[in-house]
Amino acid sequence: MIGLPGYTYHLEFTERLLPGALPPPHPDNLLVFYFDLPAEYSRAIHQLTIIGAKQVQPSNPYWAEKAQTYEDPDGNRIVLCKGVFKK
C-alpha cells in the first residue's frame, strides 16, 4: 500500500491466492499518472520504451489527445498524461 501523509487516498497492490482465472481487465480500468514537467513526462515515456512496454490506443478518445496509454502483459493499462490534474 502506498499513500502520502495527510491525503485521503492510497494505491494498494493485491494478489489473488485462490486458484482460477480472473476476468480480463476492462480497457477503461486505468492507472493515470500526471506529469506537470515536460522533461519528466518524456523520461517516463522513454523508460517504458526501454522496457518494451506496449503502447495501445485508448478506448476513451479523451486520453488520445492528452496522453499515452500502455498495456501490461495481463491487459492492465496505465496512462501517462501531460499536465496537471484538474478537478
PDB file of N, CA and C in Angstrom:
ATOM      1  N   MET A   1       0.846  -1.158   0.000  1.00  0.00           N
ATOM      2  CA  MET A   1       0.000   0.000   0.000  1.00  0.00           C
ATOM      3  C   MET A   1       0.902   1.234   0.000  1.00  0.00           C
ATOM      4  N   ILE A   2       0.566   2.183  -0.859  1.00  0.00           N
ATOM      5  CA  ILE A   2       1.347   3.411  -0.977  1.00  0.00           C
ATOM      6  C   ILE A   2       0.397   4.588  -0.773  1.00  0.00           C
ATOM      7  N   GLY A   3       0.779   5.522   0.079  1.00  0.00           N
ATOM      8  CA  GLY A   3      -0.026   6.706   0.304  1.00  0.00           C
ATOM      9  C   GLY A   3       0.844   7.840   0.802  1.00  0.00           C
ATOM     10  N   LEU A   4       0.297   9.018   0.807  1.00  0.00           N
ATOM     11  CA  LEU A   4       1.010  10.191   1.294  1.00  0.00           C
ATOM     12  C   LEU A   4       0.357  10.691   2.571  1.00  0.00           C
ATOM     13  N   PRO A   5       1.146  11.105   3.541  1.00  0.00           N
ATOM     14  CA  PRO A   5       0.575  11.626   4.788  1.00  0.00           C
ATOM     15  C   PRO A   5      -0.353  12.812   4.520  1.00  0.00           C
ATOM     16  N   GLY A   6      -1.492  12.818   5.178  1.00  0.00           N
ATOM     17  CA  GLY A   6      -2.417  13.931   5.044  1.00  0.00           C
ATOM     18  C   GLY A   6      -3.380  13.831   3.874  1.00  0.00           C
ATOM     19  N   TYR A   7      -3.252  12.807   3.043  1.00  0.00           N
ATOM     20  CA  TYR A   7      -4.156  12.635   1.909  1.00  0.00           C
ATOM     21  C   TYR A   7      -5.141  11.516   2.206  1.00  0.00           C
ATOM     22  N   THR A   8      -6.301  11.573   1.569  1.00  0.00           N
ATOM     23  CA  THR A   8      -7.352  10.595   1.836  1.00  0.00           C
ATOM     24  C   THR A   8      -7.392   9.465   0.810  1.00  0.00           C
ATOM     25  N   TYR A   9      -6.333   9.274   0.044  1.00  0.00           N
ATOM     26  CA  TYR A   9      -6.297   8.190  -0.936  1.00  0.00           C
ATOM     27  C   TYR A   9      -4.967   7.465  -0.854  1.00  0.00           C
ATOM     28  N   HIS A  10      -4.979   6.277  -1.407  1.00  0.00           N
ATOM     29  CA  HIS A  10      -3.761   5.461  -1.458  1.00  0.00           C
ATOM     30  C   HIS A  10      -3.865   4.527  -2.655  1.00  0.00           C
ATOM     31  N   LEU A  11      -2.772   3.888  -2.950  1.00  0.00           N
ATOM     32  CA  LEU A  11      -2.703   2.904  -4.020  1.00  0.00           C
ATOM     33  C   LEU A  11      -2.336   1.579  -3.371  1.00  0.00           C
ATOM     34  N   GLU A  12      -3.158   0.580  -3.611  1.00  0.00           N
ATOM     35  CA  GLU A  12      -2.938  -0.718  -2.983  1.00  0.00           C
ATOM     36  C   GLU A  12      -2.751  -1.791  -4.054  1.00  0.00           C
ATOM     37  N   PHE A  13      -1.703  -2.569  -3.917  1.00  0.00           N
ATOM     38  CA  PHE A  13      -1.445  -3.684  -4.817  1.00  0.00           C
ATOM     39  C   PHE A  13      -1.845  -4.970  -4.101  1.00  0.00           C
ATOM     40  N   THR A  14      -2.638  -5.776  -4.751  1.00  0.00           N
ATOM     41  CA  THR A  14      -3.100  -7.020  -4.148  1.00  0.00           C
ATOM     42  C   THR A  14      -2.808  -8.175  -5.094  1.00  0.00           C
ATOM     43  N   GLU A  15      -2.945  -9.377  -4.575  1.00  0.00           N
ATOM     44  CA  GLU A  15      -2.827 -10.563  -5.421  1.00  0.00           C
ATOM     45  C   GLU A  15      -3.860 -11.575  -4.986  1.00  0.00           C
ATOM     46  N   ARG A  16      -4.249 -12.408  -5.899  1.00  0.00           N
ATOM     47  CA  ARG A  16      -5.238 -13.443  -5.627  1.00  0.00           C
ATOM     48  C   ARG A  16      -4.505 -14.733  -5.301  1.00  0.00           C
ATOM     49  N   LEU A  17      -4.841 -15.319  -4.173  1.00  0.00           N
ATOM     50  CA  LEU A  17      -4.198 -16.560  -3.755  1.00  0.00           C
ATOM     51  C   LEU A  17      -5.031 -17.793  -4.103  1.00  0.00           C
ATOM     52  N   LEU A  18      -6.286 -17.601  -4.453  1.00  0.00           N
ATOM     53  CA  LEU A  18      -7.157 -18.723  -4.805  1.00  0.00           C
ATOM     54  C   LEU A  18      -6.909 -19.153  -6.245  1.00  0.00           C
ATOM     55  N   PRO A  19      -7.094 -20.439  -6.538  1.00  0.00           N
ATOM     56  CA  PRO A  19      -6.919 -20.880  -7.924  1.00  0.00           C
ATOM     57  C   PRO A  19      -8.046 -20.350  -8.815  1.00  0.00           C
ATOM     58  N   GLY A  20      -7.783 -20.339 -10.089  1.00  0.00           N
ATOM     59  CA  GLY A  20      -8.793 -19.906 -11.053  1.00  0.00           C
ATOM     60  C   GLY A  20      -8.437 -18.566 -11.668  1.00  0.00           C
ATOM     61  N   ALA A  21      -8.917 -18.401 -12.865  1.00  0.00           N
ATOM     62  CA  ALA A  21      -8.601 -17.186 -13.622  1.00  0.00           C
ATOM     63  C   ALA A  21      -9.508 -16.037 -13.212  1.00  0.00           C
ATOM     64  N   LEU A  22      -8.959 -14.859 -13.244  1.00  0.00           N
ATOM     65  CA  LEU A  22      -9.736 -13.641 -13.030  1.00  0.00           C
ATOM     66  C   LEU A  22     -10.314 -13.186 -14.362  1.00  0.00           C
ATOM     67  N   PRO A  23     -11.409 -12.435 -14.334  1.00  0.00           N
ATOM     68  CA  PRO A  23     -11.902 -11.899 -15.606  1.00  0.00           C
ATOM     69  C   PRO A  23     -10.877 -10.914 -16.173  1.00  0.00           C
ATOM     70  N   PRO A  24     -10.831 -10.777 -17.482  1.00  0.00           N
ATOM     71  CA  PRO A  24      -9.854  -9.842 -18.072  1.00  0.00           C
ATOM     72  C   PRO A  24     -10.169  -8.411 -17.662  1.00  0.00           C
ATOM     73  N   PRO A  25      -9.138  -7.574 -17.544  1.00  0.00           N
ATOM     74  CA  PRO A  25      -9.369  -6.173 -17.187  1.00  0.00           C
ATOM     75  C   PRO A  25     -10.119  -5.444 -18.299  1.00  0.00           C
ATOM     76  N   HIS A  26     -10.953  -4.504 -17.918  1.00  0.00           N
ATOM     77  CA  HIS A  26     -11.653  -3.668 -18.894  1.00  0.00           C
ATOM     78  C   HIS A  26     -10.688  -2.575 -19.365  1.00  0.00           C
ATOM     79  N   PRO A  27     -10.700  -2.208 -20.646  1.00  0.00           N
ATOM     80  CA  PRO A  27      -9.751  -1.198 -21.148  1.00  0.00           C
ATOM     81  C   PRO A  27      -9.909   0.189 -20.531  1.00  0.00           C
ATOM     82  N   ASP A  28     -11.013   0.439 -19.825  1.00  0.00           N
ATOM     83  CA  ASP A  28     -11.170   1.725 -19.156  1.00  0.00           C
ATOM     84  C   ASP A  28     -10.824   1.666 -17.670  1.00  0.00           C
ATOM     85  N   ASN A  29     -10.322   0.539 -17.191  1.00  0.00           N
ATOM     86  CA  ASN A  29      -9.775   0.477 -15.837  1.00  0.00           C
ATOM     87  C   ASN A  29      -8.327   0.939 -15.940  1.00  0.00           C
ATOM     88  N   LEU A  30      -8.074   2.168 -15.534  1.00  0.00           N
ATOM     89  CA  LEU A  30      -6.785   2.801 -15.789  1.00  0.00           C
ATOM     90  C   LEU A  30      -6.114   3.278 -14.505  1.00  0.00           C
ATOM     91  N   LEU A  31      -4.810   3.234 -14.522  1.00  0.00           N
ATOM     92  CA  LEU A  31      -3.999   3.901 -13.514  1.00  0.00           C
ATOM     93  C   LEU A  31      -3.367   5.081 -14.246  1.00  0.00           C
ATOM     94  N   VAL A  32      -3.681   6.299 -13.819  1.00  0.00           N
ATOM     95  CA  VAL A  32      -3.264   7.501 -14.540  1.00  0.00           C
ATOM     96  C   VAL A  32      -2.217   8.260 -13.733  1.00  0.00           C
ATOM     97  N   PHE A  33      -1.132   8.609 -14.397  1.00  0.00           N
ATOM     98  CA  PHE A  33      -0.066   9.419 -13.801  1.00  0.00           C
ATOM     99  C   PHE A  33      -0.012  10.752 -14.548  1.00  0.00           C
ATOM    100  N   TYR A  34      -0.047  11.858 -13.801  1.00  0.00           N
ATOM    101  CA  TYR A  34       0.024  13.195 -14.382  1.00  0.00           C
ATOM    102  C   TYR A  34       1.426  13.757 -14.197  1.00  0.00           C
ATOM    103  N   PHE A  35       1.951  14.359 -15.258  1.00  0.00           N
ATOM    104  CA  PHE A  35       3.291  14.951 -15.245  1.00  0.00           C
ATOM    105  C   PHE A  35       3.178  16.421 -15.589  1.00  0.00           C
ATOM    106  N   ASP A  36       3.475  17.289 -14.619  1.00  0.00           N
ATOM    107  CA  ASP A  36       3.402  18.721 -14.889  1.00  0.00           C
ATOM    108  C   ASP A  36       4.685  19.265 -15.508  1.00  0.00           C
ATOM    109  N   LEU A  37       5.750  18.467 -15.473  1.00  0.00           N
ATOM    110  CA  LEU A  37       7.008  18.880 -16.094  1.00  0.00           C
ATOM    111  C   LEU A  37       7.231  18.064 -17.375  1.00  0.00           C
ATOM    112  N   PRO A  38       7.360  18.736 -18.527  1.00  0.00           N
ATOM    113  CA  PRO A  38       7.551  18.020 -19.786  1.00  0.00           C
ATOM    114  C   PRO A  38       8.738  17.061 -19.771  1.00  0.00           C
ATOM    115  N   ALA A  39       9.829  17.427 -19.109  1.00  0.00           N
ATOM    116  CA  ALA A  39      11.014  16.555 -19.071  1.00  0.00           C
ATOM    117  C   ALA A  39      10.709  15.257 -18.330  1.00  0.00           C
ATOM    118  N   GLU A  40       9.934  15.339 -17.257  1.00  0.00           N
ATOM    119  CA  GLU A  40       9.569  14.134 -16.503  1.00  0.00           C
ATOM    120  C   GLU A  40       8.637  13.241 -17.315  1.00  0.00           C
ATOM    121  N   TYR A  41       7.723  13.849 -18.049  1.00  0.00           N
ATOM    122  CA  TYR A  41       6.824  13.096 -18.930  1.00  0.00           C
ATOM    123  C   TYR A  41       7.636  12.346 -19.990  1.00  0.00           C
ATOM    124  N   SER A  42       8.551  13.054 -20.634  1.00  0.00           N
ATOM    125  CA  SER A  42       9.397  12.436 -21.666  1.00  0.00           C
ATOM    126  C   SER A  42      10.246  11.308 -21.080  1.00  0.00           C
ATOM    127  N   ARG A  43      10.755  11.516 -19.896  1.00  0.00           N
ATOM    128  CA  ARG A  43      11.572  10.485 -19.228  1.00  0.00           C
ATOM    129  C   ARG A  43      10.743   9.225 -18.951  1.00  0.00           C
ATOM    130  N   ALA A  44       9.521   9.407 -18.483  1.00  0.00           N
ATOM    131  CA  ALA A  44       8.656   8.256 -18.213  1.00  0.00           C
ATOM    132  C   ALA A  44       8.346   7.486 -19.498  1.00  0.00           C
ATOM    133  N   ILE A  45       8.059   8.209 -20.574  1.00  0.00           N
ATOM    134  CA  ILE A  45       7.807   7.563 -21.871  1.00  0.00           C
ATOM    135  C   ILE A  45       9.053   6.797 -22.310  1.00  0.00           C
ATOM    136  N   HIS A  46      10.195   7.407 -22.153  1.00  0.00           N
ATOM    137  CA  HIS A  46      11.456   6.770 -22.535  1.00  0.00           C
ATOM    138  C   HIS A  46      11.676   5.477 -21.734  1.00  0.00           C
ATOM    139  N   GLN A  47      11.431   5.527 -20.442  1.00  0.00           N
ATOM    140  CA  GLN A  47      11.620   4.339 -19.600  1.00  0.00           C
ATOM    141  C   GLN A  47      10.692   3.204 -20.032  1.00  0.00           C
ATOM    142  N   LEU A  48       9.453   3.527 -20.370  1.00  0.00           N
ATOM    143  CA  LEU A  48       8.529   2.485 -20.840  1.00  0.00           C
ATOM    144  C   LEU A  48       8.995   1.907 -22.178  1.00  0.00           C
ATOM    145  N   THR A  49       9.539   2.752 -23.026  1.00  0.00           N
ATOM    146  CA  THR A  49      10.064   2.290 -24.320  1.00  0.00           C
ATOM    147  C   THR A  49      11.233   1.330 -24.110  1.00  0.00           C
ATOM    148  N   ILE A  50      12.115   1.673 -23.188  1.00  0.00           N
ATOM    149  CA  ILE A  50      13.287   0.830 -22.909  1.00  0.00           C
ATOM    150  C   ILE A  50      12.877  -0.571 -22.458  1.00  0.00           C
ATOM    151  N   ILE A  51      11.847  -0.668 -21.628  1.00  0.00           N
ATOM    152  CA  ILE A  51      11.446  -1.991 -21.121  1.00  0.00           C
ATOM    153  C   ILE A  51      10.516  -2.722 -22.076  1.00  0.00           C
ATOM    154  N   GLY A  52      10.213  -2.094 -23.204  1.00  0.00           N
ATOM    155  CA  GLY A  52       9.391  -2.767 -24.212  1.00  0.00           C
ATOM    156  C   GLY A  52       7.899  -2.727 -23.936  1.00  0.00           C
ATOM    157  N   ALA A  53       7.444  -1.737 -23.172  1.00  0.00           N
ATOM    158  CA  ALA A  53       6.013  -1.621 -22.888  1.00  0.00           C
ATOM    159  C   ALA A  53       5.242  -1.405 -24.187  1.00  0.00           C
ATOM    160  N   LYS A  54       4.068  -1.984 -24.244  1.00  0.00           N
ATOM    161  CA  LYS A  54       3.237  -1.933 -25.446  1.00  0.00           C
ATOM    162  C   LYS A  54       2.303  -0.725 -25.388  1.00  0.00           C
ATOM    163  N   GLN A  55       2.527   0.233 -26.286  1.00  0.00           N
ATOM    164  CA  GLN A  55       1.621   1.382 -26.362  1.00  0.00           C
ATOM    165  C   GLN A  55       0.363   0.947 -27.101  1.00  0.00           C
ATOM    166  N   VAL A  56      -0.807   1.344 -26.571  1.00  0.00           N
ATOM    167  CA  VAL A  56      -2.088   0.969 -27.169  1.00  0.00           C
ATOM    168  C   VAL A  56      -2.958   2.203 -27.363  1.00  0.00           C
ATOM    169  N   GLN A  57      -3.917   2.059 -28.238  1.00  0.00           N
ATOM    170  CA  GLN A  57      -4.895   3.119 -28.455  1.00  0.00           C
ATOM    171  C   GLN A  57      -5.877   3.090 -27.277  1.00  0.00           C
ATOM    172  N   PRO A  58      -6.129   4.222 -26.627  1.00  0.00           N
ATOM    173  CA  PRO A  58      -7.077   4.210 -25.515  1.00  0.00           C
ATOM    174  C   PRO A  58      -8.500   3.964 -26.003  1.00  0.00           C
ATOM    175  N   SER A  59      -9.309   3.342 -25.163  1.00  0.00           N
ATOM    176  CA  SER A  59     -10.697   3.116 -25.563  1.00  0.00           C
ATOM    177  C   SER A  59     -11.517   4.403 -25.459  1.00  0.00           C
ATOM    178  N   ASN A  60     -11.074   5.323 -24.623  1.00  0.00           N
ATOM    179  CA  ASN A  60     -11.745   6.613 -24.478  1.00  0.00           C
ATOM    180  C   ASN A  60     -10.932   7.666 -25.234  1.00  0.00           C
ATOM    181  N   PRO A  61     -11.519   8.331 -26.237  1.00  0.00           N
ATOM    182  CA  PRO A  61     -10.763   9.311 -27.027  1.00  0.00           C
ATOM    183  C   PRO A  61     -10.236  10.497 -26.217  1.00  0.00           C
ATOM    184  N   TYR A  62     -10.772  10.720 -25.034  1.00  0.00           N
ATOM    185  CA  TYR A  62     -10.286  11.795 -24.167  1.00  0.00           C
ATOM    186  C   TYR A  62      -8.780  11.678 -23.955  1.00  0.00           C
ATOM    187  N   TRP A  63      -8.296  10.456 -23.734  1.00  0.00           N
ATOM    188  CA  TRP A  63      -6.882  10.249 -23.444  1.00  0.00           C
ATOM    189  C   TRP A  63      -6.000  10.360 -24.683  1.00  0.00           C
ATOM    190  N   ALA A  64      -6.543  10.148 -25.862  1.00  0.00           N
ATOM    191  CA  ALA A  64      -5.738  10.184 -27.092  1.00  0.00           C
ATOM    192  C   ALA A  64      -5.124  11.558 -27.327  1.00  0.00           C
ATOM    193  N   GLU A  65      -5.803  12.612 -26.895  1.00  0.00           N
ATOM    194  CA  GLU A  65      -5.316  13.972 -27.116  1.00  0.00           C
ATOM    195  C   GLU A  65      -4.338  14.440 -26.048  1.00  0.00           C
ATOM    196  N   LYS A  66      -4.376  13.841 -24.879  1.00  0.00           N
ATOM    197  CA  LYS A  66      -3.638  14.364 -23.740  1.00  0.00           C
ATOM    198  C   LYS A  66      -2.532  13.456 -23.228  1.00  0.00           C
ATOM    199  N   ALA A  67      -2.490  12.210 -23.698  1.00  0.00           N
ATOM    200  CA  ALA A  67      -1.655  11.231 -23.008  1.00  0.00           C
ATOM    201  C   ALA A  67      -1.248  10.087 -23.920  1.00  0.00           C
ATOM    202  N   GLN A  68      -0.449   9.200 -23.347  1.00  0.00           N
ATOM    203  CA  GLN A  68      -0.113   7.937 -23.998  1.00  0.00           C
ATOM    204  C   GLN A  68      -0.543   6.811 -23.068  1.00  0.00           C
ATOM    205  N   THR A  69      -1.133   5.780 -23.663  1.00  0.00           N
ATOM    206  CA  THR A  69      -1.653   4.649 -22.901  1.00  0.00           C
ATOM    207  C   THR A  69      -0.815   3.414 -23.200  1.00  0.00           C
ATOM    208  N   TYR A  70      -0.508   2.657 -22.157  1.00  0.00           N
ATOM    209  CA  TYR A  70       0.295   1.444 -22.277  1.00  0.00           C
ATOM    210  C   TYR A  70      -0.436   0.293 -21.603  1.00  0.00           C
ATOM    211  N   GLU A  71      -0.182  -0.916 -22.109  1.00  0.00           N
ATOM    212  CA  GLU A  71      -0.825  -2.102 -21.555  1.00  0.00           C
ATOM    213  C   GLU A  71       0.233  -3.099 -21.115  1.00  0.00           C
ATOM    214  N   ASP A  72       0.052  -3.664 -19.923  1.00  0.00           N
ATOM    215  CA  ASP A  72       0.999  -4.668 -19.448  1.00  0.00           C
ATOM    216  C   ASP A  72       0.595  -6.047 -19.982  1.00  0.00           C
ATOM    217  N   PRO A  73       1.421  -7.065 -19.780  1.00  0.00           N
ATOM    218  CA  PRO A  73       1.123  -8.400 -20.330  1.00  0.00           C
ATOM    219  C   PRO A  73      -0.204  -8.994 -19.848  1.00  0.00           C
ATOM    220  N   ASP A  74      -0.725  -8.526 -18.698  1.00  0.00           N
ATOM    221  CA  ASP A  74      -2.004  -9.026 -18.189  1.00  0.00           C
ATOM    222  C   ASP A  74      -3.192  -8.254 -18.737  1.00  0.00           C
ATOM    223  N   GLY A  75      -2.932  -7.206 -19.511  1.00  0.00           N
ATOM    224  CA  GLY A  75      -4.016  -6.407 -20.070  1.00  0.00           C
ATOM    225  C   GLY A  75      -4.398  -5.194 -19.240  1.00  0.00           C
ATOM    226  N   ASN A  76      -3.685  -4.946 -18.148  1.00  0.00           N
ATOM    227  CA  ASN A  76      -3.936  -3.747 -17.347  1.00  0.00           C
ATOM    228  C   ASN A  76      -3.314  -2.549 -18.042  1.00  0.00           C
ATOM    229  N   ARG A  77      -3.960  -1.405 -17.915  1.00  0.00           N
ATOM    230  CA  ARG A  77      -3.485  -0.214 -18.622  1.00  0.00           C
ATOM    231  C   ARG A  77      -3.077   0.903 -17.676  1.00  0.00           C
ATOM    232  N   ILE A  78      -2.039   1.627 -18.101  1.00  0.00           N
ATOM    233  CA  ILE A  78      -1.644   2.849 -17.421  1.00  0.00           C
ATOM    234  C   ILE A  78      -1.660   3.975 -18.443  1.00  0.00           C
ATOM    235  N   VAL A  79      -1.894   5.168 -17.955  1.00  0.00           N
ATOM    236  CA  VAL A  79      -1.918   6.355 -18.800  1.00  0.00           C
ATOM    237  C   VAL A  79      -0.897   7.338 -18.246  1.00  0.00           C
ATOM    238  N   LEU A  80      -0.056   7.845 -19.121  1.00  0.00           N
ATOM    239  CA  LEU A  80       0.868   8.916 -18.770  1.00  0.00           C
ATOM    240  C   LEU A  80       0.326  10.180 -19.410  1.00  0.00           C
ATOM    241  N   CYS A  81      -0.052  11.137 -18.563  1.00  0.00           N
ATOM    242  CA  CYS A  81      -0.743  12.347 -19.035  1.00  0.00           C
ATOM    243  C   CYS A  81       0.156  13.572 -18.892  1.00  0.00           C
ATOM    244  N   LYS A  82       0.193  14.374 -19.955  1.00  0.00           N
ATOM    245  CA  LYS A  82       0.930  15.636 -19.921  1.00  0.00           C
ATOM    246  C   LYS A  82       0.080  16.674 -19.227  1.00  0.00           C
ATOM    247  N   GLY A  83       0.556  17.212 -18.133  1.00  0.00           N
ATOM    248  CA  GLY A  83      -0.167  18.283 -17.469  1.00  0.00           C
ATOM    249  C   GLY A  83      -0.581  17.931 -16.061  1.00  0.00           C
ATOM    250  N   VAL A  84      -1.156  18.916 -15.405  1.00  0.00           N
ATOM    251  CA  VAL A  84      -1.560  18.810 -14.015  1.00  0.00           C
ATOM    252  C   VAL A  84      -3.022  18.366 -13.943  1.00  0.00           C
ATOM    253  N   PHE A  85      -3.329  17.501 -12.987  1.00  0.00           N
ATOM    254  CA  PHE A  85      -4.698  17.074 -12.785  1.00  0.00           C
ATOM    255  C   PHE A  85      -5.550  18.254 -12.353  1.00  0.00           C
ATOM    256  N   LYS A  86      -6.716  18.392 -12.969  1.00  0.00           N
ATOM    257  CA  LYS A  86      -7.671  19.451 -12.612  1.00  0.00           C
ATOM    258  C   LYS A  86      -9.021  18.819 -12.376  1.00  0.00           C
ATOM    259  N   LYS A  87      -9.633  19.160 -11.252  1.00  0.00           N
ATOM    260  CA  LYS A  87     -10.975  18.630 -10.931  1.00  0.00           C
ATOM    261  C   LYS A  87     -12.026  19.236 -11.796  1.00  0.00           C
TER     262      LYS A  87
END
